[in-house]
Amino acid sequence: MTRAEELLRELLKMPVEDRAHAAKRLLDSLDEDPEDPDVQALRAAELTRRARAVADGSAELIDADEVRRRVAARLREASNA
């Protein structure tokens, strides 16, 4: 088992709030500089694209309860892997 897999197993045992915080920190670390104007422009463009898709009806909207169910199932699968 790799070090990353070991850490992931430990993280998955943590309360949801702690996992969410860790996930945000990891995602933030993927950006070279989250304050970089180019990064901000890319994020703004993606948010605009998604908002338009919702507005024009081309986005597939999923009920929040269904999203929670899917996430919980994936977390269970990951913790059993």
PDB file of N, CA and C in Angstrom:
ATOM      1  N   MET A   1       0.850  -1.178   0.000  1.00  0.00           N
ATOM      2  CA  MET A   1       0.000   0.000   0.000  1.00  0.00           C
ATOM      3  C   MET A   1       0.895   1.240   0.000  1.00  0.00           C
ATOM      4  N   THR A   2       0.575   2.190  -0.867  1.00  0.00           N
ATOM      5  CA  THR A   2       1.373   3.413  -0.935  1.00  0.00           C
ATOM      6  C   THR A   2       1.053   4.321   0.245  1.00  0.00           C
ATOM      7  N   ARG A   3       1.927   5.273   0.460  1.00  0.00           N
ATOM      8  CA  ARG A   3       1.718   6.252   1.544  1.00  0.00           C
ATOM      9  C   ARG A   3       0.420   7.025   1.313  1.00  0.00           C
ATOM     10  N   ALA A   4       0.151   7.383   0.043  1.00  0.00           N
ATOM     11  CA  ALA A   4      -1.078   8.115  -0.272  1.00  0.00           C
ATOM     12  C   ALA A   4      -2.306   7.286   0.082  1.00  0.00           C
ATOM     13  N   GLU A   5      -2.278   5.995  -0.216  1.00  0.00           N
ATOM     14  CA  GLU A   5      -3.405   5.120   0.115  1.00  0.00           C
ATOM     15  C   GLU A   5      -3.590   5.019   1.622  1.00  0.00           C
ATOM     16  N   GLU A   6      -2.485   4.931   2.358  1.00  0.00           N
ATOM     17  CA  GLU A   6      -2.561   4.878   3.820  1.00  0.00           C
ATOM     18  C   GLU A   6      -3.193   6.149   4.371  1.00  0.00           C
ATOM     19  N   LEU A   7      -2.749   7.287   3.867  1.00  0.00           N
ATOM     20  CA  LEU A   7      -3.299   8.562   4.321  1.00  0.00           C
ATOM     21  C   LEU A   7      -4.777   8.673   3.977  1.00  0.00           C
ATOM     22  N   LEU A   8      -5.145   8.234   2.772  1.00  0.00           N
ATOM     23  CA  LEU A   8      -6.542   8.293   2.367  1.00  0.00           C
ATOM     24  C   LEU A   8      -7.412   7.445   3.290  1.00  0.00           C
ATOM     25  N   ARG A   9      -6.962   6.261   3.627  1.00  0.00           N
ATOM     26  CA  ARG A   9      -7.719   5.409   4.543  1.00  0.00           C
ATOM     27  C   ARG A   9      -7.931   6.109   5.890  1.00  0.00           C
ATOM     28  N   GLU A  10      -6.896   6.767   6.384  1.00  0.00           N
ATOM     29  CA  GLU A  10      -7.018   7.493   7.655  1.00  0.00           C
ATOM     30  C   GLU A  10      -7.978   8.676   7.515  1.00  0.00           C
ATOM     31  N   LEU A  11      -7.859   9.409   6.424  1.00  0.00           N
ATOM     32  CA  LEU A  11      -8.747  10.554   6.212  1.00  0.00           C
ATOM     33  C   LEU A  11     -10.209  10.116   6.144  1.00  0.00           C
ATOM     34  N   LEU A  12     -10.477   8.999   5.500  1.00  0.00           N
ATOM     35  CA  LEU A  12     -11.850   8.535   5.357  1.00  0.00           C
ATOM     36  C   LEU A  12     -12.479   8.129   6.686  1.00  0.00           C
ATOM     37  N   LYS A  13     -11.675   7.945   7.708  1.00  0.00           N
ATOM     38  CA  LYS A  13     -12.188   7.613   9.037  1.00  0.00           C
ATOM     39  C   LYS A  13     -12.582   8.871   9.813  1.00  0.00           C
ATOM     40  N   MET A  14     -12.188  10.028   9.317  1.00  0.00           N
ATOM     41  CA  MET A  14     -12.423  11.282  10.030  1.00  0.00           C
ATOM     42  C   MET A  14     -13.867  11.746   9.853  1.00  0.00           C
ATOM     43  N   PRO A  15     -14.339  12.612  10.752  1.00  0.00           N
ATOM     44  CA  PRO A  15     -15.680  13.190  10.599  1.00  0.00           C
ATOM     45  C   PRO A  15     -15.786  13.975   9.287  1.00  0.00           C
ATOM     46  N   VAL A  16     -16.995  14.081   8.787  1.00  0.00           N
ATOM     47  CA  VAL A  16     -17.217  14.694   7.479  1.00  0.00           C
ATOM     48  C   VAL A  16     -16.663  16.118   7.401  1.00  0.00           C
ATOM     49  N   GLU A  17     -16.797  16.893   8.473  1.00  0.00           N
ATOM     50  CA  GLU A  17     -16.298  18.268   8.445  1.00  0.00           C
ATOM     51  C   GLU A  17     -14.781  18.302   8.252  1.00  0.00           C
ATOM     52  N   ASP A  18     -14.091  17.405   8.930  1.00  0.00           N
ATOM     53  CA  ASP A  18     -12.638  17.340   8.802  1.00  0.00           C
ATOM     54  C   ASP A  18     -12.231  16.874   7.409  1.00  0.00           C
ATOM     55  N   ARG A  19     -12.988  15.899   6.860  1.00  0.00           N
ATOM     56  CA  ARG A  19     -12.688  15.441   5.495  1.00  0.00           C
ATOM     57  C   ARG A  19     -12.908  16.553   4.495  1.00  0.00           C
ATOM     58  N   ALA A  20     -13.979  17.328   4.675  1.00  0.00           N
ATOM     59  CA  ALA A  20     -14.272  18.427   3.759  1.00  0.00           C
ATOM     60  C   ALA A  20     -13.154  19.466   3.803  1.00  0.00           C
ATOM     61  N   HIS A  21     -12.689  19.765   5.009  1.00  0.00           N
ATOM     62  CA  HIS A  21     -11.593  20.730   5.158  1.00  0.00           C
ATOM     63  C   HIS A  21     -10.332  20.211   4.456  1.00  0.00           C
ATOM     64  N   ALA A  22     -10.018  18.941   4.665  1.00  0.00           N
ATOM     65  CA  ALA A  22      -8.835  18.355   4.025  1.00  0.00           C
ATOM     66  C   ALA A  22      -8.987  18.362   2.506  1.00  0.00           C
ATOM     67  N   ALA A  23     -10.174  18.036   2.014  1.00  0.00           N
ATOM     68  CA  ALA A  23     -10.407  18.027   0.565  1.00  0.00           C
ATOM     69  C   ALA A  23     -10.214  19.415  -0.021  1.00  0.00           C
ATOM     70  N   LYS A  24     -10.733  20.428   0.667  1.00  0.00           N
ATOM     71  CA  LYS A  24     -10.577  21.804   0.169  1.00  0.00           C
ATOM     72  C   LYS A  24      -9.105  22.196   0.116  1.00  0.00           C
ATOM     73  N   ARG A  25      -8.372  21.867   1.168  1.00  0.00           N
ATOM     74  CA  ARG A  25      -6.946  22.198   1.198  1.00  0.00           C
ATOM     75  C   ARG A  25      -6.201  21.493   0.070  1.00  0.00           C
ATOM     76  N   LEU A  26      -6.534  20.236  -0.177  1.00  0.00           N
ATOM     77  CA  LEU A  26      -5.881  19.500  -1.261  1.00  0.00           C
ATOM     78  C   LEU A  26      -6.209  20.108  -2.624  1.00  0.00           C
ATOM     79  N   LEU A  27      -7.500  20.431  -2.830  1.00  0.00           N
ATOM     80  CA  LEU A  27      -7.873  21.052  -4.104  1.00  0.00           C
ATOM     81  C   LEU A  27      -7.194  22.396  -4.282  1.00  0.00           C
ATOM     82  N   ASP A  28      -7.161  23.181  -3.222  1.00  0.00           N
ATOM     83  CA  ASP A  28      -6.485  24.478  -3.298  1.00  0.00           C
ATOM     84  C   ASP A  28      -5.010  24.314  -3.646  1.00  0.00           C
ATOM     85  N   SER A  29      -4.410  23.232  -3.170  1.00  0.00           N
ATOM     86  CA  SER A  29      -2.982  23.029  -3.423  1.00  0.00           C
ATOM     87  C   SER A  29      -2.695  22.712  -4.886  1.00  0.00           C
ATOM     88  N   LEU A  30      -3.726  22.334  -5.636  1.00  0.00           N
ATOM     89  CA  LEU A  30      -3.521  22.036  -7.057  1.00  0.00           C
ATOM     90  C   LEU A  30      -3.336  23.304  -7.883  1.00  0.00           C
ATOM     91  N   ASP A  31      -3.866  24.400  -7.384  1.00  0.00           N
ATOM     92  CA  ASP A  31      -3.668  25.687  -8.060  1.00  0.00           C
ATOM     93  C   ASP A  31      -2.297  26.214  -7.679  1.00  0.00           C
ATOM     94  N   GLU A  32      -1.541  26.610  -8.680  1.00  0.00           N
ATOM     95  CA  GLU A  32      -0.225  27.169  -8.366  1.00  0.00           C
ATOM     96  C   GLU A  32      -0.370  28.374  -7.460  1.00  0.00           C
ATOM     97  N   ASP A  33      -1.333  29.215  -7.780  1.00  0.00           N
ATOM     98  CA  ASP A  33      -1.594  30.403  -6.965  1.00  0.00           C
ATOM     99  C   ASP A  33      -3.066  30.753  -7.112  1.00  0.00           C
ATOM    100  N   PRO A  34      -3.909  30.378  -6.127  1.00  0.00           N
ATOM    101  CA  PRO A  34      -5.340  30.641  -6.251  1.00  0.00           C
ATOM    102  C   PRO A  34      -5.683  32.121  -6.399  1.00  0.00           C
ATOM    103  N   GLU A  35      -4.761  32.998  -6.033  1.00  0.00           N
ATOM    104  CA  GLU A  35      -5.003  34.437  -6.173  1.00  0.00           C
ATOM    105  C   GLU A  35      -4.565  34.962  -7.546  1.00  0.00           C
ATOM    106  N   ASP A  36      -3.956  34.114  -8.353  1.00  0.00           N
ATOM    107  CA  ASP A  36      -3.494  34.493  -9.686  1.00  0.00           C
ATOM    108  C   ASP A  36      -4.693  34.920 -10.533  1.00  0.00           C
ATOM    109  N   PRO A  37      -4.620  36.078 -11.191  1.00  0.00           N
ATOM    110  CA  PRO A  37      -5.739  36.551 -12.015  1.00  0.00           C
ATOM    111  C   PRO A  37      -6.132  35.553 -13.115  1.00  0.00           C
ATOM    112  N   ASP A  38      -5.179  34.809 -13.659  1.00  0.00           N
ATOM    113  CA  ASP A  38      -5.500  33.825 -14.692  1.00  0.00           C
ATOM    114  C   ASP A  38      -6.333  32.685 -14.111  1.00  0.00           C
ATOM    115  N   VAL A  39      -5.980  32.232 -12.917  1.00  0.00           N
ATOM    116  CA  VAL A  39      -6.736  31.173 -12.253  1.00  0.00           C
ATOM    117  C   VAL A  39      -8.145  31.672 -11.939  1.00  0.00           C
ATOM    118  N   GLN A  40      -8.236  32.885 -11.438  1.00  0.00           N
ATOM    119  CA  GLN A  40      -9.542  33.459 -11.130  1.00  0.00           C
ATOM    120  C   GLN A  40     -10.385  33.605 -12.391  1.00  0.00           C
ATOM    121  N   ALA A  41      -9.772  33.998 -13.497  1.00  0.00           N
ATOM    122  CA  ALA A  41     -10.502  34.142 -14.765  1.00  0.00           C
ATOM    123  C   ALA A  41     -11.021  32.789 -15.249  1.00  0.00           C
ATOM    124  N   LEU A  42     -10.210  31.746 -15.114  1.00  0.00           N
ATOM    125  CA  LEU A  42     -10.647  30.408 -15.515  1.00  0.00           C
ATOM    126  C   LEU A  42     -11.822  29.943 -14.659  1.00  0.00           C
ATOM    127  N   ARG A  43     -11.743  30.196 -13.362  1.00  0.00           N
ATOM    128  CA  ARG A  43     -12.846  29.811 -12.480  1.00  0.00           C
ATOM    129  C   ARG A  43     -14.112  30.579 -12.826  1.00  0.00           C
ATOM    130  N   ALA A  44     -13.972  31.883 -13.074  1.00  0.00           N
ATOM    131  CA  ALA A  44     -15.135  32.707 -13.420  1.00  0.00           C
ATOM    132  C   ALA A  44     -15.760  32.220 -14.730  1.00  0.00           C
ATOM    133  N   ALA A  45     -14.935  31.866 -15.704  1.00  0.00           N
ATOM    134  CA  ALA A  45     -15.448  31.369 -16.977  1.00  0.00           C
ATOM    135  C   ALA A  45     -16.206  30.063 -16.790  1.00  0.00           C
ATOM    136  N   GLU A  46     -15.682  29.183 -15.946  1.00  0.00           N
ATOM    137  CA  GLU A  46     -16.351  27.906 -15.693  1.00  0.00           C
ATOM    138  C   GLU A  46     -17.671  28.118 -14.964  1.00  0.00           C
ATOM    139  N   LEU A  47     -17.680  29.013 -13.993  1.00  0.00           N
ATOM    140  CA  LEU A  47     -18.925  29.300 -13.282  1.00  0.00           C
ATOM    141  C   LEU A  47     -19.968  29.906 -14.218  1.00  0.00           C
ATOM    142  N   THR A  48     -19.534  30.783 -15.104  1.00  0.00           N
ATOM    143  CA  THR A  48     -20.444  31.382 -16.082  1.00  0.00           C
ATOM    144  C   THR A  48     -21.014  30.312 -17.005  1.00  0.00           C
ATOM    145  N   ARG A  49     -20.146  29.404 -17.490  1.00  0.00           N
ATOM    146  CA  ARG A  49     -20.592  28.323 -18.369  1.00  0.00           C
ATOM    147  C   ARG A  49     -21.645  27.465 -17.674  1.00  0.00           C
ATOM    148  N   ARG A  50     -21.385  27.133 -16.420  1.00  0.00           N
ATOM    149  CA  ARG A  50     -22.324  26.292 -15.680  1.00  0.00           C
ATOM    150  C   ARG A  50     -23.639  27.013 -15.416  1.00  0.00           C
ATOM    151  N   ALA A  51     -23.561  28.293 -15.078  1.00  0.00           N
ATOM    152  CA  ALA A  51     -24.785  29.070 -14.830  1.00  0.00           C
ATOM    153  C   ALA A  51     -25.634  29.152 -16.095  1.00  0.00           C
ATOM    154  N   ARG A  52     -24.989  29.341 -17.241  1.00  0.00           N
ATOM    155  CA  ARG A  52     -25.729  29.379 -18.505  1.00  0.00           C
ATOM    156  C   ARG A  52     -26.399  28.045 -18.795  1.00  0.00           C
ATOM    157  N   ALA A  53     -25.698  26.952 -18.507  1.00  0.00           N
ATOM    158  CA  ALA A  53     -26.271  25.628 -18.749  1.00  0.00           C
ATOM    159  C   ALA A  53     -27.506  25.401 -17.875  1.00  0.00           C
ATOM    160  N   VAL A  54     -27.478  25.900 -16.655  1.00  0.00           N
ATOM    161  CA  VAL A  54     -28.650  25.786 -15.786  1.00  0.00           C
ATOM    162  C   VAL A  54     -29.769  26.656 -16.345  1.00  0.00           C
ATOM    163  N   ALA A  55     -29.433  27.875 -16.714  1.00  0.00           N
ATOM    164  CA  ALA A  55     -30.444  28.809 -17.203  1.00  0.00           C
ATOM    165  C   ALA A  55     -31.100  28.340 -18.497  1.00  0.00           C
ATOM    166  N   ASP A  56     -30.326  27.759 -19.403  1.00  0.00           N
ATOM    167  CA  ASP A  56     -30.904  27.343 -20.690  1.00  0.00           C
ATOM    168  C   ASP A  56     -31.461  25.921 -20.670  1.00  0.00           C
ATOM    169  N   GLY A  57     -31.350  25.251 -19.516  1.00  0.00           N
ATOM    170  CA  GLY A  57     -31.940  23.924 -19.367  1.00  0.00           C
ATOM    171  C   GLY A  57     -31.090  22.775 -19.871  1.00  0.00           C
ATOM    172  N   SER A  58     -29.872  23.049 -20.304  1.00  0.00           N
ATOM    173  CA  SER A  58     -29.037  21.968 -20.825  1.00  0.00           C
ATOM    174  C   SER A  58     -28.265  21.222 -19.730  1.00  0.00           C
ATOM    175  N   ALA A  59     -28.252  21.762 -18.528  1.00  0.00           N
ATOM    176  CA  ALA A  59     -27.570  21.094 -17.412  1.00  0.00           C
ATOM    177  C   ALA A  59     -28.489  20.042 -16.803  1.00  0.00           C
ATOM    178  N   GLU A  60     -27.905  18.926 -16.419  1.00  0.00           N
ATOM    179  CA  GLU A  60     -28.669  17.907 -15.711  1.00  0.00           C
ATOM    180  C   GLU A  60     -28.629  18.268 -14.226  1.00  0.00           C
ATOM    181  N   LEU A  61     -29.766  18.627 -13.681  1.00  0.00           N
ATOM    182  CA  LEU A  61     -29.833  19.001 -12.275  1.00  0.00           C
ATOM    183  C   LEU A  61     -30.167  17.762 -11.451  1.00  0.00           C
ATOM    184  N   ILE A  62     -29.481  17.619 -10.328  1.00  0.00           N
ATOM    185  CA  ILE A  62     -29.664  16.459  -9.466  1.00  0.00           C
ATOM    186  C   ILE A  62     -30.087  16.954  -8.089  1.00  0.00           C
ATOM    187  N   ASP A  63     -31.127  16.336  -7.553  1.00  0.00           N
ATOM    188  CA  ASP A  63     -31.633  16.679  -6.238  1.00  0.00           C
ATOM    189  C   ASP A  63     -30.538  16.507  -5.183  1.00  0.00           C
ATOM    190  N   ALA A  64     -30.485  17.416  -4.222  1.00  0.00           N
ATOM    191  CA  ALA A  64     -29.438  17.391  -3.195  1.00  0.00           C
ATOM    192  C   ALA A  64     -29.422  16.073  -2.419  1.00  0.00           C
ATOM    193  N   ASP A  65     -30.593  15.511  -2.128  1.00  0.00           N
ATOM    194  CA  ASP A  65     -30.637  14.232  -1.412  1.00  0.00           C
ATOM    195  C   ASP A  65     -29.992  13.125  -2.243  1.00  0.00           C
ATOM    196  N   GLU A  66     -30.201  13.162  -3.554  1.00  0.00           N
ATOM    197  CA  GLU A  66     -29.594  12.161  -4.429  1.00  0.00           C
ATOM    198  C   GLU A  66     -28.080  12.331  -4.469  1.00  0.00           C
ATOM    199  N   VAL A  67     -27.611  13.574  -4.492  1.00  0.00           N
ATOM    200  CA  VAL A  67     -26.169  13.832  -4.482  1.00  0.00           C
ATOM    201  C   VAL A  67     -25.562  13.280  -3.196  1.00  0.00           C
ATOM    202  N   ARG A  68     -26.191  13.554  -2.064  1.00  0.00           N
ATOM    203  CA  ARG A  68     -25.688  13.045  -0.788  1.00  0.00           C
ATOM    204  C   ARG A  68     -25.642  11.519  -0.783  1.00  0.00           C
ATOM    205  N   ARG A  69     -26.687  10.881  -1.334  1.00  0.00           N
ATOM    206  CA  ARG A  69     -26.724   9.424  -1.390  1.00  0.00           C
ATOM    207  C   ARG A  69     -25.566   8.888  -2.231  1.00  0.00           C
ATOM    208  N   ARG A  70     -25.327   9.524  -3.390  1.00  0.00           N
ATOM    209  CA  ARG A  70     -24.240   9.081  -4.269  1.00  0.00           C
ATOM    210  C   ARG A  70     -22.869   9.269  -3.622  1.00  0.00           C
ATOM    211  N   VAL A  71     -22.692  10.408  -2.965  1.00  0.00           N
ATOM    212  CA  VAL A  71     -21.405  10.672  -2.302  1.00  0.00           C
ATOM    213  C   VAL A  71     -21.182   9.673  -1.181  1.00  0.00           C
ATOM    214  N   ALA A  72     -22.212   9.417  -0.386  1.00  0.00           N
ATOM    215  CA  ALA A  72     -22.087   8.459   0.707  1.00  0.00           C
ATOM    216  C   ALA A  72     -21.730   7.073   0.171  1.00  0.00           C
ATOM    217  N   ALA A  73     -22.344   6.680  -0.932  1.00  0.00           N
ATOM    218  CA  ALA A  73     -22.047   5.374  -1.529  1.00  0.00           C
ATOM    219  C   ALA A  73     -20.597   5.312  -2.000  1.00  0.00           C
ATOM    220  N   ARG A  74     -20.127   6.387  -2.626  1.00  0.00           N
ATOM    221  CA  ARG A  74     -18.737   6.406  -3.085  1.00  0.00           C
ATOM    222  C   ARG A  74     -17.759   6.374  -1.920  1.00  0.00           C
ATOM    223  N   LEU A  75     -18.080   7.082  -0.847  1.00  0.00           N
ATOM    224  CA  LEU A  75     -17.208   7.068   0.316  1.00  0.00           C
ATOM    225  C   LEU A  75     -17.150   5.672   0.938  1.00  0.00           C
ATOM    226  N   ARG A  76     -18.308   5.003   0.983  1.00  0.00           N
ATOM    227  CA  ARG A  76     -18.323   3.633   1.499  1.00  0.00           C
ATOM    228  C   ARG A  76     -17.462   2.723   0.627  1.00  0.00           C
ATOM    229  N   GLU A  77     -17.603   2.860  -0.687  1.00  0.00           N
ATOM    230  CA  GLU A  77     -16.807   2.048  -1.614  1.00  0.00           C
ATOM    231  C   GLU A  77     -15.315   2.312  -1.418  1.00  0.00           C
ATOM    232  N   ALA A  78     -14.956   3.589  -1.297  1.00  0.00           N
ATOM    233  CA  ALA A  78     -13.538   3.947  -1.137  1.00  0.00           C
ATOM    234  C   ALA A  78     -12.975   3.415   0.179  1.00  0.00           C
ATOM    235  N   SER A  79     -13.773   3.446   1.229  1.00  0.00           N
ATOM    236  CA  SER A  79     -13.271   2.980   2.518  1.00  0.00           C
ATOM    237  C   SER A  79     -13.156   1.461   2.561  1.00  0.00           C
ATOM    238  N   ASN A  80     -13.883   0.773   1.692  1.00  0.00           N
ATOM    239  CA  ASN A  80     -13.822  -0.681   1.622  1.00  0.00           C
ATOM    240  C   ASN A  80     -12.742  -1.163   0.648  1.00  0.00           C
ATOM    241  N   ALA A  81     -12.188  -0.247  -0.118  1.00  0.00           N
ATOM    242  CA  ALA A  81     -11.191  -0.633  -1.137  1.00  0.00           C
ATOM    243  C   ALA A  81      -9.845  -0.949  -0.516  1.00  0.00           C
TER     244      ALA A  81
END
